């Protein structure tokens, strides 16, 4: 059998004393957490361990003794061995470190049925001597070697193991029917939950002194402690402001259909509701229930701070050197230029575009119809030109709420400024879609079939002569008018796709800022041991006469896994259709919207 002892590196040169830790249930291994130095009173040690059990919830116990020989402590080893009668355990570990050697020696003392302590190694040596004199068989030697209990010391860095989180993370209550946690996970949990044990340092005036990773002094930050004290009133203030905001949003006038529909399609309103949910999460006075909730709060907090910082930089650029006036003066000429290019495009379509023979009557009707809309749009832009600078000036203030608000507002402004292109696209798509569905229906009429609406399938049907004659006339008319309609639809669909592509880039930028786990990625880069995927071992010491010593090192998570695991769910407002579905929609003339029909939470 092999006994594994997880030993902290900070205790390698500790003074002689008692080993405090925990036996891992279900496995032949133990975790050493601290060394209590001599001199001590056993009653005070028992009382201290019971107190630590109540605070940490870990079944702490005295595992054995630790001996580091020094001048004036010649009989320390036998004294520490006799303490096994005061601290009764099934197995007592007597770990010794000799001068001039790196490795340790460990003797495991077991209790027999009468409660007497028996040294297992001595028994084995006597058996080997007797077997050697009697010339025992090789099979008996093998059985004795199997019965011999080998000890392996696994050295670990206590601070890193205590602060790290082993993945995958276990959330919620443990299912009693499920498999018990692994040995490594129980070891990580024992070190992490034993944090009250590490509060005892050399500056305390208590009767006990111990060695652990904080024995030289507690690790703390004045800034962090001040932020903790200020977080409670700040959370209460934010919660009160959010309650007022929720009361305003719940007013009946905002629940009317037009306002509710408009707010669900505007990117600024969607981002506002998303940030409101984030602020509710951050303003909760209750501490995080687990590692996943803590990382979610931390990612939201860092994302919010970075968003506001980028927004402040944008706002400082806008209001410096009169940039808003320059943008306002450029906006109207740009709109006139776009309208002029559209007029030239329509004039080209009303002629013979690329030498194609179009239906002149339909071509003229569609061209004049779209030209009239362009004139209406130009009049609207010139009517709004005196107010554009004010709109930009007040709209730029939204950047103080974050860069995502500024980008969302920019997306809504682009949607309003390109509303005429959207109207052209809707007109052309609806006309083209009607002709496509009309031709497909008439084509089924020629084949003696029809579409069964109730059963959603194509059934056979018999038509009379008048129906076939009317169907032939309509099919011919629609077929010869299709090229003219398809050309207008193709041109305005391309213009619409350009606008949707630009809005999609803005939406992706907003979604990236909202959902990217900045805190988790920063933690992975700066302190990779905090997010552990597993561990690796390497041989630390293998001296003759000592146990095998291994060094446990933490394997961090991959950056791609960190992003995938801790990415914040977002309310995406762009469609996630496949390329095949998108091409099908474009071919049959279905409308393409830059939002989802149902706002759902997506990862």
Foldseek 3Di string as FASTA:
>chain_A
DEEEEAAEPQCLPPAKAWFKWDDDPPDRYTYTFKGWHPDDDVVVVVVVQVVLCVQLVGPMFTQAIEHEDDPPCPPVQVVRRVCCVVRPDQWHWRWYDYPPDRFIAIWIWGADPVRDTDTPVVVLVVVVVVCVVVVHDPVVVVVSVVVDYAYEYAYEHLVLLLLADAPPHDDDDDDPVDDDDDPVNVNSSRSNSSVVVLQAEPPDPDRIQMTHPQNPHDDDDPVVVVCVVVLLVVLVVLVVVLVVVVVVCPPPVCVDVVNVVVLVQQLLSQVVVVVSVLSNLQSDPDDQPDDLSVLLNVLQVVLQVVFLVVLVVQLVVCPPPVNLVVVLVVPLVVLVVVLVVVLVVLVCLQPQNVNHDADNVVSVVLSVVLNVLSVVLNVVCVVCSVCSSVCSNVLSVCSNSGPLSNLSVVLVVLCVSCVSLVVLLLVLLVVLLVLLVLLVQLVCVVVQWHADPVVGHIDGHDDDPVVNVVSVVVNVVSVRNNVSSVVSNVVSVVVVVVSLVVSVVSLVVSLCSNFFRPVLLVCCVPPQSRAFHAWDWDFDDDDPPRHTYIYIDTHGDDSVVSRVVNGDWGQRFADDDDPVVVVVCSVSSNDHDRGDPDGDTDD
